[in-house]
N, C-alpha and C. Protein backbone atom coordinates (compact mmCIF):
# COMPACT_ATOMS: atom_id res chain seq x y z
N MET A 1 221.72 14.28 90.96
CA MET A 1 222.33 15.57 90.99
C MET A 1 223.69 15.58 90.24
N LYS A 2 224.38 14.41 90.37
CA LYS A 2 225.60 14.36 89.62
C LYS A 2 225.53 14.40 88.04
N TYR A 3 224.39 13.76 87.66
CA TYR A 3 224.18 13.68 86.21
C TYR A 3 223.87 15.06 85.70
N LEU A 4 223.39 15.91 86.51
CA LEU A 4 223.01 17.33 86.04
C LEU A 4 224.30 18.02 85.95
N LYS A 5 225.24 17.87 86.86
CA LYS A 5 226.60 18.53 86.71
C LYS A 5 227.21 18.12 85.47
N ILE A 6 227.14 16.90 85.22
CA ILE A 6 227.90 16.25 83.99
C ILE A 6 227.19 16.95 82.74
N VAL A 7 225.88 16.96 82.69
CA VAL A 7 225.26 17.49 81.64
C VAL A 7 225.69 19.03 81.31
N PHE A 8 225.83 19.73 82.24
CA PHE A 8 226.05 21.07 82.07
C PHE A 8 227.48 21.41 81.99
N LEU A 9 228.38 20.56 82.23
CA LEU A 9 229.90 20.82 82.15
C LEU A 9 230.32 21.16 80.89
N PRO A 10 229.87 20.55 79.72
CA PRO A 10 230.33 21.05 78.45
C PRO A 10 230.00 22.48 78.16
N LEU A 11 228.87 23.02 78.72
CA LEU A 11 228.52 24.48 78.64
C LEU A 11 229.47 25.44 79.40
N LYS A 12 230.15 24.84 80.38
CA LYS A 12 231.06 25.61 81.10
C LYS A 12 232.58 25.55 80.35
N ARG A 13 232.67 24.45 79.81
CA ARG A 13 234.02 24.25 79.20
C ARG A 13 233.97 24.37 77.64
N ILE A 14 233.29 25.43 77.35
CA ILE A 14 232.97 25.67 75.76
C ILE A 14 234.21 26.03 75.01
N PHE A 15 235.24 26.57 75.67
CA PHE A 15 236.49 26.95 74.92
C PHE A 15 237.60 26.14 75.32
N ASP A 16 237.32 24.85 75.93
CA ASP A 16 238.41 24.05 76.38
C ASP A 16 238.57 22.98 75.34
N TYR A 17 239.74 23.05 74.60
CA TYR A 17 240.09 22.13 73.47
C TYR A 17 241.33 21.23 73.90
N ARG A 18 241.71 21.31 75.12
CA ARG A 18 242.94 20.51 75.48
C ARG A 18 242.60 19.34 76.39
N ASN A 19 241.70 19.31 77.27
CA ASN A 19 241.45 18.20 78.13
C ASN A 19 240.59 17.25 77.43
N ARG A 20 240.11 16.29 78.25
CA ARG A 20 239.38 15.05 77.60
C ARG A 20 238.07 15.09 78.26
N SER A 21 237.13 14.30 77.57
CA SER A 21 235.72 14.03 78.05
C SER A 21 235.50 12.60 77.87
N GLY A 22 234.83 12.01 78.89
CA GLY A 22 234.53 10.55 78.94
C GLY A 22 233.16 10.39 78.09
N ARG A 23 232.96 9.07 77.94
CA ARG A 23 231.79 8.67 77.16
C ARG A 23 230.47 9.06 77.97
N LEU A 24 230.45 9.07 79.11
CA LEU A 24 229.19 9.43 79.87
C LEU A 24 228.93 10.90 79.74
N GLU A 25 229.95 11.75 79.83
CA GLU A 25 229.78 13.18 79.65
C GLU A 25 229.32 13.47 78.18
N PHE A 26 229.89 12.74 77.22
CA PHE A 26 229.58 12.88 75.80
C PHE A 26 228.13 12.55 75.58
N TRP A 27 227.72 11.37 75.98
CA TRP A 27 226.40 10.93 75.63
C TRP A 27 225.25 11.65 76.40
N LEU A 28 225.52 12.08 77.69
CA LEU A 28 224.48 12.92 78.37
C LEU A 28 224.33 14.31 77.70
N TYR A 29 225.44 14.89 77.28
CA TYR A 29 225.34 16.17 76.67
C TYR A 29 224.60 16.11 75.22
N VAL A 30 225.03 14.91 74.51
CA VAL A 30 224.50 14.89 73.17
C VAL A 30 222.91 14.68 73.32
N LEU A 31 222.42 13.87 74.23
CA LEU A 31 221.00 13.74 74.49
C LEU A 31 220.38 15.02 74.87
N PHE A 32 221.01 15.64 75.89
CA PHE A 32 220.42 16.99 76.34
C PHE A 32 220.46 17.97 75.26
N SER A 33 221.50 18.17 74.44
CA SER A 33 221.45 19.23 73.40
C SER A 33 220.52 18.87 72.35
N HIS A 34 220.38 17.67 71.94
CA HIS A 34 219.35 17.34 70.89
C HIS A 34 217.82 17.61 71.42
N PHE A 35 217.74 17.24 72.66
CA PHE A 35 216.39 17.64 73.37
C PHE A 35 216.17 19.18 73.31
N VAL A 36 217.08 19.93 73.68
CA VAL A 36 216.93 21.37 73.82
C VAL A 36 216.74 21.95 72.42
N ILE A 37 217.41 21.41 71.34
CA ILE A 37 217.30 21.94 70.07
C ILE A 37 215.99 21.59 69.43
N THR A 38 215.52 20.50 69.79
CA THR A 38 214.04 20.07 69.27
C THR A 38 212.99 20.81 69.96
N VAL A 39 213.11 21.10 71.20
CA VAL A 39 212.16 21.97 71.92
C VAL A 39 212.13 23.35 71.43
N THR A 40 213.34 23.85 71.25
CA THR A 40 213.57 25.25 70.83
C THR A 40 212.95 25.46 69.42
N THR A 41 213.24 24.47 68.43
CA THR A 41 212.69 24.50 67.16
C THR A 41 211.27 24.48 67.11
N LEU A 42 210.65 23.57 67.77
CA LEU A 42 209.21 23.47 67.88
C LEU A 42 208.59 24.69 68.51
N ALA A 43 209.22 25.31 69.46
CA ALA A 43 208.68 26.56 70.06
C ALA A 43 208.69 27.66 69.03
N ILE A 44 209.69 27.78 68.36
CA ILE A 44 209.78 28.87 67.20
C ILE A 44 208.75 28.58 66.21
N TYR A 45 208.50 27.42 65.79
CA TYR A 45 207.61 27.02 64.78
C TYR A 45 206.18 27.38 65.37
N VAL A 46 205.86 26.91 66.56
CA VAL A 46 204.56 27.19 66.98
C VAL A 46 204.17 28.78 67.12
N LEU A 47 205.29 29.38 67.81
CA LEU A 47 205.01 30.82 67.99
C LEU A 47 205.09 31.70 66.70
N ALA A 48 205.61 31.18 65.64
CA ALA A 48 205.64 31.84 64.43
C ALA A 48 204.17 31.75 63.70
N GLU A 49 203.44 30.50 64.19
CA GLU A 49 202.10 30.49 63.46
C GLU A 49 201.09 31.21 64.34
N ALA A 50 201.46 31.83 65.44
CA ALA A 50 200.44 32.60 66.13
C ALA A 50 200.35 33.90 65.64
N PRO A 51 199.19 34.49 65.22
CA PRO A 51 199.16 35.75 64.41
C PRO A 51 199.15 36.97 65.22
N SER A 52 198.94 36.81 66.57
CA SER A 52 198.89 38.04 67.45
C SER A 52 200.05 38.17 68.31
N TRP A 53 201.12 37.34 68.10
CA TRP A 53 202.48 37.44 68.85
C TRP A 53 203.46 38.16 68.10
N ASN A 54 203.78 39.32 68.53
CA ASN A 54 204.82 40.15 67.92
C ASN A 54 206.30 39.99 68.18
N TRP A 55 206.55 38.93 69.12
CA TRP A 55 207.78 38.70 69.66
C TRP A 55 208.56 37.57 69.00
N VAL A 56 208.17 37.04 67.83
CA VAL A 56 208.73 35.91 67.24
C VAL A 56 210.13 36.20 66.61
N GLU A 57 210.37 37.40 66.10
CA GLU A 57 211.60 37.74 65.75
C GLU A 57 212.73 37.90 66.66
N PRO A 58 212.40 38.61 67.87
CA PRO A 58 213.33 38.64 68.96
C PRO A 58 213.76 37.24 69.57
N PHE A 59 212.64 36.53 69.75
CA PHE A 59 212.68 35.23 70.26
C PHE A 59 213.63 34.30 69.44
N ALA A 60 213.27 34.40 68.13
CA ALA A 60 214.06 33.63 67.18
C ALA A 60 215.67 33.89 67.15
N TRP A 61 215.93 35.23 67.38
CA TRP A 61 217.28 35.60 67.47
C TRP A 61 217.97 35.17 68.78
N LEU A 62 217.18 35.34 69.96
CA LEU A 62 217.79 34.76 71.12
C LEU A 62 217.90 33.19 71.04
N ALA A 63 217.09 32.55 70.41
CA ALA A 63 217.16 31.05 70.23
C ALA A 63 218.33 30.86 69.37
N PHE A 64 218.53 31.49 68.38
CA PHE A 64 219.78 31.31 67.49
C PHE A 64 221.10 31.55 68.14
N LEU A 65 221.16 32.60 69.04
CA LEU A 65 222.28 32.75 69.79
C LEU A 65 222.56 31.69 70.84
N PHE A 66 221.49 31.24 71.50
CA PHE A 66 221.64 30.15 72.52
C PHE A 66 221.97 28.78 71.73
N LEU A 67 221.37 28.57 70.67
CA LEU A 67 221.81 27.38 69.95
C LEU A 67 223.14 27.33 69.23
N THR A 68 223.62 28.50 68.97
CA THR A 68 224.98 28.71 68.53
C THR A 68 226.01 28.44 69.73
N TRP A 69 225.69 28.82 70.88
CA TRP A 69 226.37 28.58 72.01
C TRP A 69 226.36 27.14 72.33
N MET A 70 225.27 26.46 72.28
CA MET A 70 225.24 25.10 72.49
C MET A 70 226.08 24.18 71.38
N GLU A 71 226.04 24.77 70.14
CA GLU A 71 226.83 24.02 69.02
C GLU A 71 228.30 24.09 69.40
N LEU A 72 228.81 25.45 69.81
CA LEU A 72 230.18 25.49 70.14
C LEU A 72 230.56 24.60 71.18
N ALA A 73 229.76 24.47 72.31
CA ALA A 73 230.07 23.56 73.25
C ALA A 73 230.16 22.04 72.65
N ASN A 74 229.27 21.85 71.72
CA ASN A 74 229.16 20.43 71.26
C ASN A 74 230.51 20.18 70.45
N ILE A 75 231.09 21.15 69.71
CA ILE A 75 232.23 21.04 68.99
C ILE A 75 233.33 20.78 69.88
N ALA A 76 233.43 21.53 71.00
CA ALA A 76 234.54 21.45 71.93
C ALA A 76 234.42 20.00 72.50
N LEU A 77 233.23 19.50 72.88
CA LEU A 77 233.06 18.30 73.60
C LEU A 77 233.59 17.22 72.59
N PHE A 78 233.26 17.35 71.18
CA PHE A 78 233.74 16.32 70.20
C PHE A 78 235.22 16.37 70.26
N VAL A 79 235.88 17.47 70.30
CA VAL A 79 237.28 17.56 70.28
C VAL A 79 237.81 16.91 71.60
N ARG A 80 237.37 17.13 72.76
CA ARG A 80 237.73 16.48 73.99
C ARG A 80 237.63 15.02 73.98
N ARG A 81 236.53 14.53 73.41
CA ARG A 81 236.14 13.12 73.25
C ARG A 81 237.19 12.52 72.47
N LEU A 82 237.47 13.13 71.28
CA LEU A 82 238.52 12.58 70.43
C LEU A 82 239.88 12.43 71.09
N HIS A 83 240.25 13.54 71.87
CA HIS A 83 241.53 13.48 72.59
C HIS A 83 241.52 12.42 73.55
N ASP A 84 240.40 12.08 74.20
CA ASP A 84 240.31 11.04 75.23
C ASP A 84 240.55 9.65 74.60
N SER A 85 240.09 9.47 73.34
CA SER A 85 240.36 8.24 72.70
C SER A 85 241.72 8.23 71.88
N GLY A 86 242.51 9.20 72.02
CA GLY A 86 243.84 9.21 71.56
C GLY A 86 243.81 9.65 69.98
N HIS A 87 242.82 10.43 69.58
CA HIS A 87 242.86 10.83 68.18
C HIS A 87 243.01 12.41 68.09
N SER A 88 243.32 12.94 66.95
CA SER A 88 243.46 14.34 66.88
C SER A 88 242.06 15.02 66.86
N GLY A 89 242.01 16.13 67.37
CA GLY A 89 240.76 16.96 67.47
C GLY A 89 240.38 17.54 66.12
N TRP A 90 241.17 17.54 65.08
CA TRP A 90 240.91 17.91 63.75
C TRP A 90 240.01 16.97 63.06
N TRP A 91 239.70 15.83 63.49
CA TRP A 91 238.78 14.87 62.95
C TRP A 91 237.32 15.47 63.05
N THR A 92 237.19 16.48 63.99
CA THR A 92 235.88 17.11 64.11
C THR A 92 235.38 17.81 62.85
N LEU A 93 236.39 18.23 62.05
CA LEU A 93 236.02 18.93 60.80
C LEU A 93 235.66 18.11 59.75
N VAL A 94 235.63 16.90 59.82
CA VAL A 94 235.14 15.97 58.65
C VAL A 94 233.66 16.24 58.14
N PRO A 95 232.65 16.26 59.11
CA PRO A 95 231.43 16.60 58.52
C PRO A 95 231.39 18.08 57.84
N PHE A 96 232.13 19.03 58.37
CA PHE A 96 232.08 20.37 57.75
C PHE A 96 232.79 20.33 56.39
N ILE A 97 233.83 19.56 56.08
CA ILE A 97 234.48 19.45 54.97
C ILE A 97 233.52 18.73 53.92
N ALA A 98 232.83 17.66 54.34
CA ALA A 98 231.87 17.01 53.46
C ALA A 98 230.68 17.79 53.19
N ALA A 99 230.34 18.95 53.84
CA ALA A 99 229.09 19.48 53.71
C ALA A 99 228.77 20.04 52.28
N PRO A 100 229.88 20.62 51.44
CA PRO A 100 229.58 21.09 50.18
C PRO A 100 229.27 20.00 49.22
N ILE A 101 229.65 18.68 49.50
CA ILE A 101 229.42 17.61 48.47
C ILE A 101 227.98 17.42 48.24
N SER A 102 227.19 17.09 49.24
CA SER A 102 225.73 16.82 49.17
C SER A 102 225.13 16.71 50.49
N PHE A 103 223.83 16.93 50.62
CA PHE A 103 223.12 16.91 51.71
C PHE A 103 223.09 15.55 52.40
N LEU A 104 222.77 14.58 51.67
CA LEU A 104 222.40 13.18 52.25
C LEU A 104 223.71 12.51 52.73
N PRO A 105 224.86 12.54 51.90
CA PRO A 105 226.11 12.05 52.53
C PRO A 105 226.54 12.85 53.87
N THR A 106 226.42 14.07 53.82
CA THR A 106 226.81 15.01 54.99
C THR A 106 226.01 14.39 56.22
N GLN A 107 224.78 14.17 55.93
CA GLN A 107 224.00 13.74 57.36
C GLN A 107 224.34 12.36 57.62
N ILE A 108 224.75 11.45 56.61
CA ILE A 108 225.23 10.15 57.07
C ILE A 108 226.49 10.17 57.70
N ILE A 109 227.49 11.09 57.22
CA ILE A 109 228.82 11.13 57.89
C ILE A 109 228.58 11.82 59.15
N GLY A 110 227.78 12.76 59.38
CA GLY A 110 227.35 13.52 60.65
C GLY A 110 227.05 12.54 61.69
N ILE A 111 225.87 11.83 61.36
CA ILE A 111 225.39 10.79 62.32
C ILE A 111 226.30 9.74 62.69
N SER A 112 226.93 9.23 61.75
CA SER A 112 227.90 8.14 61.97
C SER A 112 229.12 8.58 62.76
N SER A 113 229.49 9.80 62.57
CA SER A 113 230.64 10.31 63.42
C SER A 113 230.26 10.43 64.88
N ILE A 114 228.98 10.92 65.07
CA ILE A 114 228.58 11.12 66.40
C ILE A 114 228.56 9.79 67.17
N ILE A 115 228.07 8.78 66.52
CA ILE A 115 228.05 7.43 67.15
C ILE A 115 229.42 6.94 67.30
N ALA A 116 230.24 7.10 66.31
CA ALA A 116 231.63 6.49 66.35
C ALA A 116 232.49 7.23 67.48
N ILE A 117 232.38 8.64 67.63
CA ILE A 117 233.03 9.27 68.64
C ILE A 117 232.51 8.90 69.97
N GLY A 118 231.30 8.64 70.23
CA GLY A 118 230.73 8.26 71.42
C GLY A 118 231.08 6.86 71.88
N LEU A 119 231.47 6.10 70.90
CA LEU A 119 231.64 4.53 71.33
C LEU A 119 233.15 4.30 71.51
N LEU A 120 233.98 5.21 71.07
CA LEU A 120 235.43 5.01 71.21
C LEU A 120 235.78 4.97 72.74
N PRO A 121 236.63 3.80 73.04
CA PRO A 121 237.10 3.77 74.29
C PRO A 121 238.26 4.62 74.62
N PRO A 122 238.38 4.93 75.75
CA PRO A 122 239.57 5.92 76.25
C PRO A 122 240.94 5.14 76.19
N LYS A 123 241.92 5.92 75.87
CA LYS A 123 243.27 5.23 75.76
C LYS A 123 243.82 5.20 77.27
N PRO A 124 244.22 4.01 77.69
CA PRO A 124 244.64 3.78 79.03
C PRO A 124 245.88 4.62 79.34
N GLU A 125 246.80 4.79 78.43
CA GLU A 125 247.97 5.56 79.01
C GLU A 125 247.68 7.03 78.94
N GLN A 126 246.63 7.47 78.43
CA GLN A 126 246.38 8.86 78.50
C GLN A 126 245.69 9.24 79.90
N GLU A 127 245.08 8.31 80.52
CA GLU A 127 244.40 8.51 81.80
C GLU A 127 245.52 8.88 82.87
N GLN A 128 246.68 8.53 82.73
CA GLN A 128 247.65 8.94 83.79
C GLN A 128 247.82 10.43 83.85
N ASN A 129 247.50 11.14 82.92
CA ASN A 129 247.79 12.70 82.84
C ASN A 129 246.65 13.41 83.13
N ASP A 130 245.63 12.74 83.72
CA ASP A 130 244.41 13.64 84.04
C ASP A 130 244.66 14.47 85.25
N ASP A 131 245.64 14.17 86.11
CA ASP A 131 245.81 15.03 87.29
C ASP A 131 246.60 16.41 86.92
N GLN A 132 247.04 16.62 85.70
CA GLN A 132 247.67 17.87 85.17
C GLN A 132 246.70 18.85 85.02
N HIS A 133 245.41 18.45 84.76
CA HIS A 133 244.42 19.64 84.40
C HIS A 133 243.41 19.57 85.70
N PRO A 134 242.81 20.81 86.03
CA PRO A 134 242.05 21.03 87.05
C PRO A 134 240.79 20.14 86.95
N GLU A 135 240.20 20.13 85.76
CA GLU A 135 238.99 19.41 85.63
C GLU A 135 239.33 17.97 84.88
N GLY A 136 240.25 18.02 84.13
CA GLY A 136 240.65 16.61 83.53
C GLY A 136 239.53 15.96 82.83
N ARG A 137 239.35 14.67 82.90
CA ARG A 137 238.44 13.87 82.30
C ARG A 137 237.43 13.33 83.29
N ILE A 138 236.22 13.33 83.18
CA ILE A 138 235.29 12.69 83.96
C ILE A 138 235.25 11.20 83.59
N PRO A 139 235.68 10.27 84.50
CA PRO A 139 235.71 8.89 84.01
C PRO A 139 234.32 8.34 84.04
N ASP A 140 234.08 7.33 83.17
CA ASP A 140 232.67 6.81 82.89
C ASP A 140 232.11 6.23 84.30
N ASP A 141 232.93 5.81 85.17
CA ASP A 141 232.53 5.11 86.29
C ASP A 141 232.51 6.01 87.54
N SER A 142 232.60 7.43 87.24
CA SER A 142 232.58 8.41 88.41
C SER A 142 230.92 8.57 88.91
N VAL A 143 230.21 8.03 88.12
CA VAL A 143 228.71 8.27 88.55
C VAL A 143 228.25 6.90 88.96
N PRO A 144 227.57 6.84 90.17
CA PRO A 144 227.21 5.45 90.66
C PRO A 144 226.00 5.17 89.73
N HIS A 145 226.05 3.90 89.48
CA HIS A 145 225.06 3.14 88.71
C HIS A 145 223.95 2.74 89.50
N PRO A 146 222.65 2.59 88.96
CA PRO A 146 221.58 2.29 89.73
C PRO A 146 221.55 0.94 90.49
N GLU A 147 222.41 0.01 89.81
CA GLU A 147 222.42 -1.34 90.51
C GLU A 147 223.54 -1.35 91.60
N SER A 148 224.39 -0.42 91.87
CA SER A 148 225.25 -0.57 92.94
C SER A 148 224.89 0.27 94.11
């Protein structure tokens, strides 16, 4: 149950660019958002092929709004994760700045930035300030592991 709270926490903190997010919160949401995006895209594709279904366009618009909301939460999560590792949140813009150059380098930069941001360890001196914010940072060890 605690994992579900952590998965949906970035959707609640969609406009929070000041606090921090731990690696567990980051990776759970990245996996969840990629799963939801894949399922939604496949649903739109399958429904678009159905000849007798007239709701493809409204469903596509609702899916677009929902996926935009998820992407905004994803960007805020990236910024909070960068703050947790002691870096500026402006580094989130690197894939967007590289986008006009070419499609393939943008994909490589985007995927590698997701992996790099997710693997960065937190800065120990920044963990002292977590009590200043109501939600603060969810530490990676706050969720019990199966072996314990």
